């Protein structure tokens, strides 16, 4: 949480508000880079990623079941 305040003439307060909106409502640069990389990746990348995710989830599920029994 970011809490703060400023007292300034209307022109400067308006500029502060514009900067604040851009900083808090925009996606961080690393997320933008990740999205761009995802858009540029071939479909095979996502199929391989999905397979790895499924394997990890299945392995963790088996391990969880072992702990419960």
PDB file of N, CA and C in Angstrom:
ATOM      1  N   UNK A   1       0.845  -1.174   0.000  1.00  0.00           N
ATOM      2  CA  UNK A   1       0.000   0.000   0.000  1.00  0.00           C
ATOM      3  C   UNK A   1       0.883   1.227   0.000  1.00  0.00           C
ATOM      4  N   UNK A   2       0.470   2.173  -0.808  1.00  0.00           N
ATOM      5  CA  UNK A   2       1.172   3.448  -0.831  1.00  0.00           C
ATOM      6  C   UNK A   2       0.201   4.531  -0.386  1.00  0.00           C
ATOM      7  N   UNK A   3       0.546   5.191   0.676  1.00  0.00           N
ATOM      8  CA  UNK A   3      -0.314   6.249   1.194  1.00  0.00           C
ATOM      9  C   UNK A   3       0.515   7.531   1.231  1.00  0.00           C
ATOM     10  N   UNK A   4      -0.054   8.594   0.725  1.00  0.00           N
ATOM     11  CA  UNK A   4       0.664   9.855   0.748  1.00  0.00           C
ATOM     12  C   UNK A   4      -0.258  10.981   0.337  1.00  0.00           C
ATOM     13  N   UNK A   5       0.255  12.172   0.386  1.00  0.00           N
ATOM     14  CA  UNK A   5      -0.532  13.320   0.006  1.00  0.00           C
ATOM     15  C   UNK A   5       0.392  14.406  -0.488  1.00  0.00           C
ATOM     16  N   UNK A   6      -0.164  15.357  -1.207  1.00  0.00           N
ATOM     17  CA  UNK A   6       0.616  16.488  -1.712  1.00  0.00           C
ATOM     18  C   UNK A   6      -0.260  17.731  -1.726  1.00  0.00           C
ATOM     19  N   UNK A   7       0.351  18.845  -1.431  1.00  0.00           N
ATOM     20  CA  UNK A   7      -0.323  20.138  -1.529  1.00  0.00           C
ATOM     21  C   UNK A   7       0.422  20.911  -2.609  1.00  0.00           C
ATOM     22  N   UNK A   8      -0.319  21.292  -3.659  1.00  0.00           N
ATOM     23  CA  UNK A   8       0.327  21.973  -4.781  1.00  0.00           C
ATOM     24  C   UNK A   8      -0.707  22.796  -5.532  1.00  0.00           C
ATOM     25  N   UNK A   9      -0.233  23.741  -6.330  1.00  0.00           N
ATOM     26  CA  UNK A   9      -1.156  24.470  -7.196  1.00  0.00           C
ATOM     27  C   UNK A   9      -1.870  23.492  -8.141  1.00  0.00           C
ATOM     28  N   UNK A  10      -3.029  23.884  -8.641  1.00  0.00           N
ATOM     29  CA  UNK A  10      -3.861  22.998  -9.463  1.00  0.00           C
ATOM     30  C   UNK A  10      -3.103  22.407 -10.653  1.00  0.00           C
ATOM     31  N   UNK A  11      -2.281  23.196 -11.310  1.00  0.00           N
ATOM     32  CA  UNK A  11      -1.536  22.705 -12.481  1.00  0.00           C
ATOM     33  C   UNK A  11      -0.583  21.584 -12.075  1.00  0.00           C
ATOM     34  N   UNK A  12       0.131  21.773 -10.997  1.00  0.00           N
ATOM     35  CA  UNK A  12       1.084  20.757 -10.532  1.00  0.00           C
ATOM     36  C   UNK A  12       0.329  19.554  -9.972  1.00  0.00           C
ATOM     37  N   UNK A  13      -0.753  19.786  -9.243  1.00  0.00           N
ATOM     38  CA  UNK A  13      -1.550  18.675  -8.713  1.00  0.00           C
ATOM     39  C   UNK A  13      -2.088  17.810  -9.850  1.00  0.00           C
ATOM     40  N   UNK A  14      -2.500  18.442 -10.938  1.00  0.00           N
ATOM     41  CA  UNK A  14      -2.986  17.695 -12.103  1.00  0.00           C
ATOM     42  C   UNK A  14      -1.873  16.827 -12.684  1.00  0.00           C
ATOM     43  N   UNK A  15      -0.666  17.373 -12.775  1.00  0.00           N
ATOM     44  CA  UNK A  15       0.471  16.598 -13.284  1.00  0.00           C
ATOM     45  C   UNK A  15       0.792  15.433 -12.357  1.00  0.00           C
ATOM     46  N   UNK A  16       0.747  15.677 -11.057  1.00  0.00           N
ATOM     47  CA  UNK A  16       0.999  14.604 -10.080  1.00  0.00           C
ATOM     48  C   UNK A  16      -0.039  13.502 -10.242  1.00  0.00           C
ATOM     49  N   UNK A  17      -1.303  13.898 -10.418  1.00  0.00           N
ATOM     50  CA  UNK A  17      -2.374  12.915 -10.590  1.00  0.00           C
ATOM     51  C   UNK A  17      -2.142  12.080 -11.849  1.00  0.00           C
ATOM     52  N   UNK A  18      -1.752  12.720 -12.952  1.00  0.00           N
ATOM     53  CA  UNK A  18      -1.498  11.989 -14.197  1.00  0.00           C
ATOM     54  C   UNK A  18      -0.360  10.984 -14.034  1.00  0.00           C
ATOM     55  N   UNK A  19       0.703  11.390 -13.383  1.00  0.00           N
ATOM     56  CA  UNK A  19       1.834  10.484 -13.162  1.00  0.00           C
ATOM     57  C   UNK A  19       1.404   9.328 -12.253  1.00  0.00           C
ATOM     58  N   UNK A  20       0.652   9.644 -11.205  1.00  0.00           N
ATOM     59  CA  UNK A  20       0.184   8.612 -10.282  1.00  0.00           C
ATOM     60  C   UNK A  20      -0.657   7.561 -11.014  1.00  0.00           C
ATOM     61  N   UNK A  21      -1.567   8.013 -11.864  1.00  0.00           N
ATOM     62  CA  UNK A  21      -2.422   7.076 -12.611  1.00  0.00           C
ATOM     63  C   UNK A  21      -1.577   6.180 -13.503  1.00  0.00           C
ATOM     64  N   UNK A  22      -0.601   6.753 -14.164  1.00  0.00           N
ATOM     65  CA  UNK A  22       0.254   5.954 -15.056  1.00  0.00           C
ATOM     66  C   UNK A  22       1.097   4.943 -14.281  1.00  0.00           C
ATOM     67  N   UNK A  23       1.528   5.319 -13.091  1.00  0.00           N
ATOM     68  CA  UNK A  23       2.348   4.406 -12.299  1.00  0.00           C
ATOM     69  C   UNK A  23       1.541   3.278 -11.671  1.00  0.00           C
ATOM     70  N   UNK A  24       0.302   3.561 -11.276  1.00  0.00           N
ATOM     71  CA  UNK A  24      -0.478   2.553 -10.559  1.00  0.00           C
ATOM     72  C   UNK A  24      -1.392   1.729 -11.462  1.00  0.00           C
ATOM     73  N   UNK A  25      -1.757   2.249 -12.627  1.00  0.00           N
ATOM     74  CA  UNK A  25      -2.686   1.529 -13.502  1.00  0.00           C
ATOM     75  C   UNK A  25      -2.011   0.800 -14.655  1.00  0.00           C
ATOM     76  N   UNK A  26      -0.740   1.003 -14.858  1.00  0.00           N
ATOM     77  CA  UNK A  26      -0.030   0.377 -15.963  1.00  0.00           C
ATOM     78  C   UNK A  26       0.614  -0.924 -15.507  1.00  0.00           C
ATOM     79  N   UNK A  27       0.746  -1.844 -16.444  1.00  0.00           N
ATOM     80  CA  UNK A  27       1.439  -3.093 -16.134  1.00  0.00           C
ATOM     81  C   UNK A  27       2.934  -2.812 -15.988  1.00  0.00           C
ATOM     82  N   UNK A  28       3.596  -3.420 -14.989  1.00  0.00           N
ATOM     83  CA  UNK A  28       5.031  -3.225 -14.822  1.00  0.00           C
ATOM     84  C   UNK A  28       5.797  -3.691 -16.071  1.00  0.00           C
ATOM     85  N   UNK A  29       6.923  -3.072 -16.331  1.00  0.00           N
ATOM     86  CA  UNK A  29       7.733  -3.382 -17.515  1.00  0.00           C
ATOM     87  C   UNK A  29       8.063  -4.869 -17.649  1.00  0.00           C
ATOM     88  N   UNK A  30       8.442  -5.581 -16.576  1.00  0.00           N
ATOM     89  CA  UNK A  30       8.736  -7.014 -16.745  1.00  0.00           C
ATOM     90  C   UNK A  30       7.516  -7.810 -17.238  1.00  0.00           C
ATOM     91  N   UNK A  31       6.311  -7.426 -16.816  1.00  0.00           N
ATOM     92  CA  UNK A  31       5.109  -8.117 -17.286  1.00  0.00           C
ATOM     93  C   UNK A  31       4.858  -7.824 -18.756  1.00  0.00           C
ATOM     94  N   UNK A  32       5.143  -6.594 -19.188  1.00  0.00           N
ATOM     95  CA  UNK A  32       4.989  -6.245 -20.590  1.00  0.00           C
ATOM     96  C   UNK A  32       5.968  -7.041 -21.441  1.00  0.00           C
ATOM     97  N   UNK A  33       7.206  -7.175 -20.977  1.00  0.00           N
ATOM     98  CA  UNK A  33       8.209  -7.976 -21.687  1.00  0.00           C
ATOM     99  C   UNK A  33       7.784  -9.441 -21.774  1.00  0.00           C
ATOM    100  N   UNK A  34       7.242  -9.966 -20.679  1.00  0.00           N
ATOM    101  CA  UNK A  34       6.785 -11.360 -20.671  1.00  0.00           C
ATOM    102  C   UNK A  34       5.643 -11.562 -21.655  1.00  0.00           C
ATOM    103  N   UNK A  35       4.721 -10.621 -21.719  1.00  0.00           N
ATOM    104  CA  UNK A  35       3.605 -10.721 -22.656  1.00  0.00           C
ATOM    105  C   UNK A  35       4.109 -10.679 -24.085  1.00  0.00           C
ATOM    106  N   UNK A  36       5.046  -9.800 -24.382  1.00  0.00           N
ATOM    107  CA  UNK A  36       5.609  -9.707 -25.719  1.00  0.00           C
ATOM    108  C   UNK A  36       6.312 -11.005 -26.107  1.00  0.00           C
ATOM    109  N   UNK A  37       7.065 -11.567 -25.183  1.00  0.00           N
ATOM    110  CA  UNK A  37       7.736 -12.843 -25.434  1.00  0.00           C
ATOM    111  C   UNK A  37       6.712 -13.944 -25.697  1.00  0.00           C
ATOM    112  N   UNK A  38       5.632 -13.946 -24.940  1.00  0.00           N
ATOM    113  CA  UNK A  38       4.586 -14.949 -25.133  1.00  0.00           C
ATOM    114  C   UNK A  38       3.949 -14.808 -26.512  1.00  0.00           C
ATOM    115  N   UNK A  39       3.683 -13.576 -26.931  1.00  0.00           N
ATOM    116  CA  UNK A  39       3.081 -13.367 -28.252  1.00  0.00           C
ATOM    117  C   UNK A  39       4.010 -13.802 -29.377  1.00  0.00           C
ATOM    118  N   UNK A  40       5.297 -13.682 -29.164  1.00  0.00           N
ATOM    119  CA  UNK A  40       6.279 -14.043 -30.191  1.00  0.00           C
ATOM    120  C   UNK A  40       6.633 -15.530 -30.181  1.00  0.00           C
ATOM    121  N   UNK A  41       6.254 -16.250 -29.152  1.00  0.00           N
ATOM    122  CA  UNK A  41       6.618 -17.667 -29.026  1.00  0.00           C
ATOM    123  C   UNK A  41       5.771 -18.532 -29.956  1.00  0.00           C
ATOM    124  N   UNK A  42       6.373 -19.591 -30.498  1.00  0.00           N
ATOM    125  CA  UNK A  42       5.612 -20.505 -31.361  1.00  0.00           C
ATOM    126  C   UNK A  42       4.622 -21.322 -30.534  1.00  0.00           C
ATOM    127  N   UNK A  43       3.551 -21.814 -31.156  1.00  0.00           N
ATOM    128  CA  UNK A  43       2.550 -22.605 -30.412  1.00  0.00           C
ATOM    129  C   UNK A  43       3.149 -23.826 -29.717  1.00  0.00           C
ATOM    130  N   UNK A  44       4.189 -24.413 -30.302  1.00  0.00           N
ATOM    131  CA  UNK A  44       4.821 -25.582 -29.695  1.00  0.00           C
ATOM    132  C   UNK A  44       5.369 -25.306 -28.309  1.00  0.00           C
ATOM    133  N   UNK A  45       5.795 -24.089 -28.055  1.00  0.00           N
ATOM    134  CA  UNK A  45       6.310 -23.718 -26.741  1.00  0.00           C
ATOM    135  C   UNK A  45       5.235 -23.900 -25.678  1.00  0.00           C
ATOM    136  N   UNK A  46       4.022 -23.439 -25.993  1.00  0.00           N
ATOM    137  CA  UNK A  46       2.926 -23.525 -25.026  1.00  0.00           C
ATOM    138  C   UNK A  46       2.452 -24.961 -24.840  1.00  0.00           C
ATOM    139  N   UNK A  47       2.512 -25.756 -25.898  1.00  0.00           N
ATOM    140  CA  UNK A  47       2.152 -27.171 -25.766  1.00  0.00           C
ATOM    141  C   UNK A  47       3.145 -27.876 -24.846  1.00  0.00           C
ATOM    142  N   UNK A  48       4.439 -27.574 -25.018  1.00  0.00           N
ATOM    143  CA  UNK A  48       5.454 -28.175 -24.146  1.00  0.00           C
ATOM    144  C   UNK A  48       5.288 -27.690 -22.708  1.00  0.00           C
ATOM    145  N   UNK A  49       5.001 -26.417 -22.545  1.00  0.00           N
ATOM    146  CA  UNK A  49       4.786 -25.862 -21.206  1.00  0.00           C
ATOM    147  C   UNK A  49       3.587 -26.510 -20.529  1.00  0.00           C
ATOM    148  N   UNK A  50       2.524 -26.718 -21.282  1.00  0.00           N
ATOM    149  CA  UNK A  50       1.318 -27.362 -20.747  1.00  0.00           C
ATOM    150  C   UNK A  50       1.637 -28.800 -20.314  1.00  0.00           C
ATOM    151  N   UNK A  51       2.444 -29.500 -21.092  1.00  0.00           N
ATOM    152  CA  UNK A  51       2.811 -30.877 -20.746  1.00  0.00           C
ATOM    153  C   UNK A  51       3.625 -30.914 -19.453  1.00  0.00           C
ATOM    154  N   UNK A  52       4.564 -29.992 -19.315  1.00  0.00           N
ATOM    155  CA  UNK A  52       5.383 -29.928 -18.089  1.00  0.00           C
ATOM    156  C   UNK A  52       4.493 -29.602 -16.898  1.00  0.00           C
ATOM    157  N   UNK A  53       3.597 -28.655 -17.058  1.00  0.00           N
ATOM    158  CA  UNK A  53       2.692 -28.271 -15.967  1.00  0.00           C
ATOM    159  C   UNK A  53       1.847 -29.458 -15.542  1.00  0.00           C
ATOM    160  N   UNK A  54       1.325 -30.186 -16.520  1.00  0.00           N
ATOM    161  CA  UNK A  54       0.498 -31.348 -16.208  1.00  0.00           C
ATOM    162  C   UNK A  54       1.311 -32.401 -15.459  1.00  0.00           C
ATOM    163  N   UNK A  55       2.537 -32.630 -15.889  1.00  0.00           N
ATOM    164  CA  UNK A  55       3.399 -33.611 -15.223  1.00  0.00           C
ATOM    165  C   UNK A  55       3.684 -33.198 -13.778  1.00  0.00           C
ATOM    166  N   UNK A  56       3.981 -31.929 -13.572  1.00  0.00           N
ATOM    167  CA  UNK A  56       4.275 -31.439 -12.223  1.00  0.00           C
ATOM    168  C   UNK A  56       3.036 -31.544 -11.340  1.00  0.00           C
ATOM    169  N   UNK A  57       1.874 -31.164 -11.880  1.00  0.00           N
ATOM    170  CA  UNK A  57       0.647 -31.242 -11.090  1.00  0.00           C
ATOM    171  C   UNK A  57       0.306 -32.683 -10.726  1.00  0.00           C
ATOM    172  N   UNK A  58       0.479 -33.587 -11.677  1.00  0.00           N
ATOM    173  CA  UNK A  58       0.200 -34.997 -11.389  1.00  0.00           C
ATOM    174  C   UNK A  58       1.162 -35.533 -10.333  1.00  0.00           C
ATOM    175  N   UNK A  59       2.429 -35.166 -10.443  1.00  0.00           N
ATOM    176  CA  UNK A  59       3.423 -35.626  -9.468  1.00  0.00           C
ATOM    177  C   UNK A  59       3.113 -35.063  -8.081  1.00  0.00           C
ATOM    178  N   UNK A  60       2.741 -33.792  -8.022  1.00  0.00           N
ATOM    179  CA  UNK A  60       2.446 -33.210  -6.724  1.00  0.00           C
ATOM    180  C   UNK A  60       1.163 -33.799  -6.148  1.00  0.00           C
ATOM    181  N   UNK A  61       0.212 -34.126  -7.003  1.00  0.00           N
ATOM    182  CA  UNK A  61      -1.034 -34.735  -6.549  1.00  0.00           C
ATOM    183  C   UNK A  61      -0.766 -36.116  -5.954  1.00  0.00           C
ATOM    184  N   UNK A  62       0.075 -36.900  -6.612  1.00  0.00           N
ATOM    185  CA  UNK A  62       0.412 -38.239  -6.086  1.00  0.00           C
ATOM    186  C   UNK A  62       1.106 -38.122  -4.755  1.00  0.00           C
ATOM    187  N   UNK A  63       2.005 -37.156  -4.646  1.00  0.00           N
ATOM    188  CA  UNK A  63       2.726 -36.954  -3.400  1.00  0.00           C
ATOM    189  C   UNK A  63       1.761 -36.547  -2.291  1.00  0.00           C
ATOM    190  N   UNK A  64       0.810 -35.701  -2.610  1.00  0.00           N
ATOM    191  CA  UNK A  64      -0.184 -35.243  -1.642  1.00  0.00           C
ATOM    192  C   UNK A  64      -1.034 -36.415  -1.185  1.00  0.00           C
ATOM    193  N   UNK A  65      -1.417 -37.278  -2.117  1.00  0.00           N
ATOM    194  CA  UNK A  65      -2.230 -38.449  -1.773  1.00  0.00           C
ATOM    195  C   UNK A  65      -1.429 -39.380  -0.859  1.00  0.00           C
ATOM    196  N   UNK A  66      -0.114 -39.516  -1.147  1.00  0.00           N
ATOM    197  CA  UNK A  66       0.733 -40.373  -0.309  1.00  0.00           C
ATOM    198  C   UNK A  66       0.793 -39.854   1.128  1.00  0.00           C
ATOM    199  N   UNK A  67       0.833 -38.551   1.282  1.00  0.00           N
ATOM    200  CA  UNK A  67       0.917 -37.963   2.617  1.00  0.00           C
ATOM    201  C   UNK A  67      -0.380 -38.211   3.377  1.00  0.00           C
ATOM    202  N   UNK A  68      -1.505 -38.151   2.670  1.00  0.00           N
ATOM    203  CA  UNK A  68      -2.798 -38.335   3.326  1.00  0.00           C
ATOM    204  C   UNK A  68      -3.065 -39.785   3.731  1.00  0.00           C
ATOM    205  N   UNK A  69      -2.532 -40.727   2.977  1.00  0.00           N
ATOM    206  CA  UNK A  69      -2.861 -42.135   3.269  1.00  0.00           C
ATOM    207  C   UNK A  69      -1.895 -42.752   4.255  1.00  0.00           C
TER     208      UNK A  69
END
